[in-house]
């Protein structure tokens, strides 16, 4: 998996270097000879040549390397404004997804391995319902199944699109998520968690492939689904073997930043952007609830943070499927 991540990083960096050299090439150039005193150089060691970039401008002189670093970590802040001549027009828009992906990868490499807490399986709500253990954490998965079935029925009525294969994987993974999460919560342990996380990773992969296909109108949608699906499964097995959650978390983080970027770049309709925006907000709130499992239980007395996470994430899935269903209704 480390080879896969390094390959992604190297490819992303090559795209970024091409962007720097082509953006307003009459006024700017990239000199990949040396860099002196850049304190963050080590974090770029995973990609060939990543530590040797100096950006120069004909009219403004040399851009300080710390501004490049600021732009990498804060692409919409003062760092980006320092490099504003390099990030304008179509070039900026076309390569913004690569830039965001590279930024997240760099931050994760800087952070180091992310391990699962030792008490991860100690959920706040262990109440049983008759013979059903952990009842609310189990039953709250039904929303994923319902959203997945609705998605399947909607996609059957819609015309084929470049993102169709990705959306099929997404709605299929929703049903598998309901099954995998139910299996896990009946008796939580690391082995069962593997079968909970694989469908979640596949759902993220399908969503990425589907939205990318629909926005960019790529002709390689099925190939992207296959590659992202393999990476999704590999990210979970990487966690199982190494204990490091970074590849799995990367796959969950990318849709939150890349989908809005793709929709903005390619001019998606306002309704689709609103639908996905609501879904992203709901999913981010779901992750926050998951982190405060015991706190939510103590505050409400009736529902744990993990159960709330299931409900909010299901609502996010419904918001996305509603976009697909609306699209199907306009194409039939």
Protein backbone atom coordinates (compact mmCIF):
# COMPACT_ATOMS: atom_id res chain seq x y z
CA UNK A 1 0.00 0.00 0.00
CA UNK A 2 2.94 2.34 0.68
CA UNK A 3 3.97 1.90 -2.96
CA UNK A 4 0.46 2.83 -4.08
CA UNK A 5 0.42 5.98 -1.94
CA UNK A 6 3.90 6.95 -3.18
CA UNK A 7 2.80 6.44 -6.79
CA UNK A 8 -0.28 8.61 -6.26
CA UNK A 9 1.85 11.29 -4.64
CA UNK A 10 4.45 11.20 -7.42
CA UNK A 11 1.80 11.41 -10.13
CA UNK A 12 0.08 14.28 -8.35
CA UNK A 13 3.35 16.14 -8.00
CA UNK A 14 4.15 15.74 -11.71
CA UNK A 15 0.74 17.24 -12.49
CA UNK A 16 1.48 20.14 -10.15
CA UNK A 17 4.90 20.75 -11.73
CA UNK A 18 3.29 20.81 -15.17
CA UNK A 19 0.75 23.30 -13.92
CA UNK A 20 3.43 25.59 -12.53
CA UNK A 21 5.41 25.54 -15.76
CA UNK A 22 2.43 26.14 -18.06
CA UNK A 23 0.51 28.73 -16.04
CA UNK A 24 1.30 32.05 -17.70
CA UNK A 25 4.57 30.62 -19.01
CA UNK A 26 5.67 33.94 -20.49
CA UNK A 27 6.04 35.38 -17.01
CA UNK A 28 6.83 32.37 -14.83
CA UNK A 29 9.11 29.38 -14.82
CA UNK A 30 9.98 26.48 -12.55
CA UNK A 31 13.62 25.90 -11.76
CA UNK A 32 14.02 22.41 -10.27
CA UNK A 33 17.67 22.77 -9.43
CA UNK A 34 17.85 23.55 -5.75
CA UNK A 35 16.21 24.88 -2.66
CA UNK A 36 18.08 26.30 0.31
CA UNK A 37 16.83 26.30 3.86
CA UNK A 38 13.29 25.04 3.25
CA UNK A 39 12.37 23.70 6.71
CA UNK A 40 9.65 21.34 5.47
CA UNK A 41 11.80 19.60 2.84
CA UNK A 42 11.63 16.21 4.52
CA UNK A 43 7.89 15.94 4.09
CA UNK A 44 8.36 15.98 0.30
CA UNK A 45 10.83 13.10 0.24
CA UNK A 46 8.15 10.63 -0.88
CA UNK A 47 8.04 12.01 -4.42
CA UNK A 48 10.91 12.38 -6.84
CA UNK A 49 12.14 15.94 -7.11
CA UNK A 50 9.60 17.25 -4.63
CA UNK A 51 12.29 18.85 -2.46
CA UNK A 52 13.97 20.86 -5.20
CA UNK A 53 11.51 23.44 -6.40
CA UNK A 54 12.13 27.16 -6.62
CA UNK A 55 9.47 29.33 -8.24
CA UNK A 56 10.65 32.49 -10.00
CA UNK A 57 8.72 35.31 -11.62
CA UNK A 58 10.28 37.54 -14.26
CA UNK A 59 8.72 40.75 -12.98
CA UNK A 60 8.42 40.15 -9.25
CA UNK A 61 11.62 38.27 -8.43
CA UNK A 62 11.85 35.04 -6.48
CA UNK A 63 8.82 33.85 -4.54
CA UNK A 64 9.92 32.79 -1.01
CA UNK A 65 9.73 29.04 -0.61
CA UNK A 66 7.80 29.34 2.64
CA UNK A 67 4.98 30.88 0.58
CA UNK A 68 4.93 27.75 -1.55
CA UNK A 69 4.58 25.71 1.63
CA UNK A 70 1.80 27.98 2.88
CA UNK A 71 -0.03 27.58 -0.40
CA UNK A 72 0.29 23.82 -0.17
CA UNK A 73 -1.22 23.67 3.29
CA UNK A 74 -3.64 26.62 3.03
CA UNK A 75 -4.66 26.77 -0.64
CA UNK A 76 -7.29 29.47 -0.05
CA UNK A 77 -5.38 31.58 2.49
CA UNK A 78 -2.48 34.00 2.47
CA UNK A 79 -0.19 31.33 1.05
CA UNK A 80 -2.29 31.07 -2.08
CA UNK A 81 -2.41 34.86 -2.43
CA UNK A 82 1.40 34.92 -2.31
CA UNK A 83 1.39 32.73 -5.40
CA UNK A 84 -1.70 34.23 -7.01
CA UNK A 85 -0.04 34.74 -10.41
CA UNK A 86 0.51 30.98 -10.60
CA UNK A 87 -3.09 30.07 -9.71
CA UNK A 88 -5.36 31.89 -12.09
CA UNK A 89 -7.82 30.96 -14.82
CA UNK A 90 -8.29 27.56 -16.35
CA UNK A 91 -4.94 26.20 -15.22
CA UNK A 92 -5.77 26.80 -11.58
CA UNK A 93 -9.21 25.30 -11.93
CA UNK A 94 -8.03 22.26 -13.88
CA UNK A 95 -5.35 21.32 -11.37
CA UNK A 96 -7.05 22.37 -8.15
CA UNK A 97 -8.15 18.74 -7.42
CA UNK A 98 -4.55 17.56 -7.79
CA UNK A 99 -3.40 20.36 -5.52
CA UNK A 100 -5.98 19.53 -2.84
CA UNK A 101 -5.14 15.82 -3.01
CA UNK A 102 -1.43 16.52 -2.66
CA UNK A 103 -2.08 18.84 0.29
CA UNK A 104 -4.02 16.18 2.18
CA UNK A 105 -1.41 13.52 1.44
CA UNK A 106 1.39 15.81 2.63
CA UNK A 107 -0.47 16.63 5.85
CA UNK A 108 -1.02 12.93 6.53
CA UNK A 109 2.64 12.16 5.89
CA UNK A 110 3.60 14.97 8.25
CA UNK A 111 1.24 13.66 10.91
CA UNK A 112 2.60 10.13 10.85
CA UNK A 113 0.67 6.89 11.38
CA UNK A 114 -2.89 7.23 12.66
CA UNK A 115 -3.81 4.28 14.83
CA UNK A 116 -7.13 3.10 16.12
CA UNK A 117 -7.81 3.87 19.81
CA UNK A 118 -7.45 0.84 22.06
CA UNK A 119 -10.96 1.32 23.41
CA UNK A 120 -12.53 1.76 19.95
CA UNK A 121 -14.91 -1.18 20.42
CA UNK A 122 -16.21 0.12 23.79
CA UNK A 123 -19.32 1.87 22.57
CA UNK A 124 -21.52 3.96 24.80
CA UNK A 125 -24.80 2.18 24.12
CA UNK A 126 -24.71 -1.56 24.78
CA UNK A 127 -28.41 -1.95 25.55
CA UNK A 128 -30.07 -5.04 24.14
CA UNK A 129 -33.54 -5.40 22.68
CA UNK A 130 -34.80 -8.88 23.52
CA UNK A 131 -32.06 -11.12 22.10
CA UNK A 132 -30.53 -8.37 19.94
CA UNK A 133 -27.33 -6.97 21.49
CA UNK A 134 -26.28 -3.37 20.97
CA UNK A 135 -29.72 -2.85 19.53
CA UNK A 136 -29.66 0.80 18.46
CA UNK A 137 -26.20 0.59 16.90
CA UNK A 138 -27.44 -2.43 14.94
CA UNK A 139 -30.90 -1.22 13.93
CA UNK A 140 -29.71 2.25 12.91
CA UNK A 141 -27.98 0.67 9.90
CA UNK A 142 -31.28 0.12 8.12
CA UNK A 143 -31.07 3.63 6.64
CA UNK A 144 -28.05 2.62 4.55
CA UNK A 145 -29.95 -0.34 3.10
CA UNK A 146 -32.99 1.78 2.26
CA UNK A 147 -30.88 4.45 0.59
CA UNK A 148 -29.01 1.81 -1.40
CA UNK A 149 -32.17 0.13 -2.64
CA UNK A 150 -33.65 3.49 -3.62
CA UNK A 151 -30.45 4.28 -5.46
CA UNK A 152 -30.56 0.98 -7.34
CA UNK A 153 -34.15 1.56 -8.44
CA UNK A 154 -33.34 5.12 -9.53
CA UNK A 155 -30.27 4.13 -11.54
CA UNK A 156 -32.26 1.44 -13.36
CA UNK A 157 -34.54 4.16 -14.73
CA UNK A 158 -31.79 6.60 -15.70
CA UNK A 159 -29.89 6.90 -18.93
CA UNK A 160 -26.27 5.79 -18.97
CA UNK A 161 -23.80 8.49 -17.95
CA UNK A 162 -20.00 8.49 -17.67
CA UNK A 163 -20.39 8.23 -13.89
CA UNK A 164 -22.96 5.42 -13.96
CA UNK A 165 -20.54 2.66 -12.95
CA UNK A 166 -19.33 4.68 -9.99
CA UNK A 167 -22.86 5.39 -8.80
CA UNK A 168 -23.73 1.70 -9.10
CA UNK A 169 -20.76 0.87 -6.89
CA UNK A 170 -21.83 3.58 -4.43
CA UNK A 171 -25.41 2.37 -3.97
CA UNK A 172 -24.29 -1.27 -3.86
CA UNK A 173 -21.77 -0.39 -1.17
CA UNK A 174 -24.53 1.31 0.84
CA UNK A 175 -26.41 -1.99 1.07
CA UNK A 176 -23.16 -3.79 1.92
CA UNK A 177 -22.44 -1.14 4.56
CA UNK A 178 -25.76 -1.92 6.24
CA UNK A 179 -24.86 -5.62 6.28
CA UNK A 180 -21.23 -5.11 7.34
CA UNK A 181 -22.01 -2.63 10.09
CA UNK A 182 -24.79 -4.84 11.44
CA UNK A 183 -22.42 -7.81 11.50
CA UNK A 184 -19.80 -5.74 13.32
CA UNK A 185 -22.07 -4.22 15.95
CA UNK A 186 -23.57 -7.56 16.92
CA UNK A 187 -20.16 -8.42 18.44
CA UNK A 188 -17.59 -5.65 17.92
CA UNK A 189 -13.99 -6.72 17.32
CA UNK A 190 -11.22 -6.03 14.79
CA UNK A 191 -12.08 -8.98 12.55
CA UNK A 192 -15.70 -7.90 12.16
CA UNK A 193 -14.63 -4.27 11.78
CA UNK A 194 -12.77 -5.27 8.61
CA UNK A 195 -16.11 -6.18 6.99
CA UNK A 196 -17.63 -2.94 8.22
CA UNK A 197 -14.89 -0.76 6.75
CA UNK A 198 -14.54 -2.39 3.33
CA UNK A 199 -18.07 -1.38 2.18
CA UNK A 200 -17.56 2.15 3.53
CA UNK A 201 -14.31 2.45 1.58
CA UNK A 202 -16.04 1.11 -1.55
CA UNK A 203 -18.85 3.65 -1.14
CA UNK A 204 -16.30 6.47 -1.05
CA UNK A 205 -14.53 5.03 -4.09
CA UNK A 206 -17.79 4.74 -6.02
CA UNK A 207 -18.79 8.27 -5.12
CA UNK A 208 -15.45 9.65 -6.30
CA UNK A 209 -15.62 7.74 -9.57
CA UNK A 210 -19.27 8.62 -10.16
CA UNK A 211 -19.00 12.36 -9.60
CA UNK A 212 -15.71 12.59 -11.48
CA UNK A 213 -17.23 10.76 -14.42
CA UNK A 214 -20.34 12.94 -14.51
CA UNK A 215 -18.49 16.23 -14.16
CA UNK A 216 -15.48 15.60 -16.41
CA UNK A 217 -17.40 13.42 -18.90
CA UNK A 218 -14.52 10.97 -18.93
CA UNK A 219 -14.66 7.93 -21.18
CA UNK A 220 -12.81 5.80 -18.63
CA UNK A 221 -15.42 5.69 -15.88
CA UNK A 222 -15.42 1.90 -15.53
CA UNK A 223 -11.62 1.80 -15.33
CA UNK A 224 -11.66 4.47 -12.62
CA UNK A 225 -14.22 2.46 -10.66
CA UNK A 226 -12.02 -0.64 -10.88
CA UNK A 227 -8.85 1.17 -9.80
CA UNK A 228 -10.51 3.09 -6.97
CA UNK A 229 -12.28 -0.06 -5.81
CA UNK A 230 -8.97 -1.89 -5.58
CA UNK A 231 -7.42 1.03 -3.69
CA UNK A 232 -10.41 1.11 -1.33
CA UNK A 233 -10.06 -2.56 -0.41
CA UNK A 234 -6.27 -2.22 -0.16
CA UNK A 235 -6.62 0.73 2.24
CA UNK A 236 -8.60 -1.40 4.68
CA UNK A 237 -6.22 -4.34 4.49
CA UNK A 238 -3.34 -1.91 4.97
CA UNK A 239 -4.96 -0.89 8.26
CA UNK A 240 -5.46 -4.53 9.24
CA UNK A 241 -1.82 -5.40 8.60
CA UNK A 242 -0.08 -2.21 9.80
CA UNK A 243 -2.55 -0.55 12.15
CA UNK A 244 -2.24 2.69 10.14
CA UNK A 245 -5.57 4.26 9.18
CA UNK A 246 -4.20 7.00 6.91
CA UNK A 247 -5.02 5.43 3.50
CA UNK A 248 -8.54 4.57 4.70
CA UNK A 249 -9.08 8.06 6.13
CA UNK A 250 -7.67 9.61 2.95
CA UNK A 251 -10.34 7.83 0.94
CA UNK A 252 -13.02 9.24 3.24
CA UNK A 253 -11.58 12.76 3.16
CA UNK A 254 -11.15 13.10 -0.60
CA UNK A 255 -14.88 13.20 -1.50
CA UNK A 256 -15.39 16.05 0.98
CA UNK A 257 -12.97 18.31 -0.93
CA UNK A 258 -12.83 16.90 -4.46
CA UNK A 259 -16.56 16.70 -5.16
CA UNK A 260 -17.19 20.43 -4.53
CA UNK A 261 -14.05 21.23 -6.54
CA UNK A 262 -15.09 19.12 -9.53
CA UNK A 263 -18.62 20.49 -9.48
CA UNK A 264 -17.32 24.07 -9.38
CA UNK A 265 -14.75 23.50 -12.12
CA UNK A 266 -17.17 21.83 -14.52
CA UNK A 267 -20.22 23.95 -13.73
CA UNK A 268 -22.57 21.39 -12.17
CA UNK A 269 -26.14 22.53 -11.67
CA UNK A 270 -27.08 24.40 -8.53
CA UNK A 271 -29.43 21.62 -7.46
CA UNK A 272 -26.71 18.97 -7.64
CA UNK A 273 -24.19 21.15 -5.83
CA UNK A 274 -26.75 21.87 -3.10
CA UNK A 275 -27.61 18.18 -2.73
CA UNK A 276 -24.01 17.13 -2.39
CA UNK A 277 -23.28 20.09 -0.13
CA UNK A 278 -25.99 18.96 2.26
CA UNK A 279 -24.60 15.42 2.14
CA UNK A 280 -21.08 16.63 2.94
CA UNK A 281 -22.35 18.70 5.88
CA UNK A 282 -24.33 15.74 7.22
CA UNK A 283 -21.39 13.37 6.88
CA UNK A 284 -18.99 15.77 8.60
CA UNK A 285 -21.49 16.10 11.45
CA UNK A 286 -21.79 12.31 11.58
CA UNK A 287 -18.02 11.97 12.02
CA UNK A 288 -18.13 14.53 14.84
CA UNK A 289 -20.91 12.55 16.55
CA UNK A 290 -18.84 9.39 16.22
CA UNK A 291 -15.93 11.04 18.03
CA UNK A 292 -18.26 12.03 20.90
CA UNK A 293 -20.05 8.71 21.30
CA UNK A 294 -20.14 8.73 25.11
CA UNK A 295 -20.72 12.47 25.35
CA UNK A 296 -23.82 12.35 23.17
CA UNK A 297 -25.13 9.42 25.18
CA UNK A 298 -24.59 11.29 28.44
CA UNK A 299 -26.25 14.40 27.05
CA UNK A 300 -29.32 12.75 25.50
CA UNK A 301 -29.73 9.71 27.70
CA UNK A 302 -31.42 7.85 24.85
CA UNK A 303 -29.01 7.82 21.91
CA UNK A 304 -25.25 7.43 21.61
CA UNK A 305 -22.99 9.38 19.31
CA UNK A 306 -22.37 6.26 17.24
CA UNK A 307 -26.04 5.65 16.67
CA UNK A 308 -26.42 9.31 15.71
CA UNK A 309 -23.50 8.89 13.33
CA UNK A 310 -25.37 6.06 11.56
CA UNK A 311 -28.50 8.17 11.23
CA UNK A 312 -26.66 11.26 9.94
CA UNK A 313 -24.53 9.26 7.52
CA UNK A 314 -27.68 7.53 6.25
CA UNK A 315 -29.26 10.95 5.74
CA UNK A 316 -26.16 12.00 3.78
CA UNK A 317 -26.58 8.94 1.57
CA UNK A 318 -30.25 9.81 1.06
CA UNK A 319 -29.28 13.35 0.01
CA UNK A 320 -26.92 11.95 -2.64
CA UNK A 321 -29.39 9.34 -3.87
CA UNK A 322 -32.06 12.05 -4.14
CA UNK A 323 -29.78 13.85 -6.60
CA UNK A 324 -29.43 10.66 -8.63
CA UNK A 325 -33.18 10.03 -8.45
CA UNK A 326 -33.96 13.59 -9.58
CA UNK A 327 -31.58 13.18 -12.48
CA UNK A 328 -33.21 9.87 -13.40
CA UNK A 329 -36.60 11.55 -13.38
CA UNK A 330 -35.44 14.17 -15.88
CA UNK A 331 -33.86 11.67 -18.25
CA UNK A 332 -36.71 9.17 -18.54
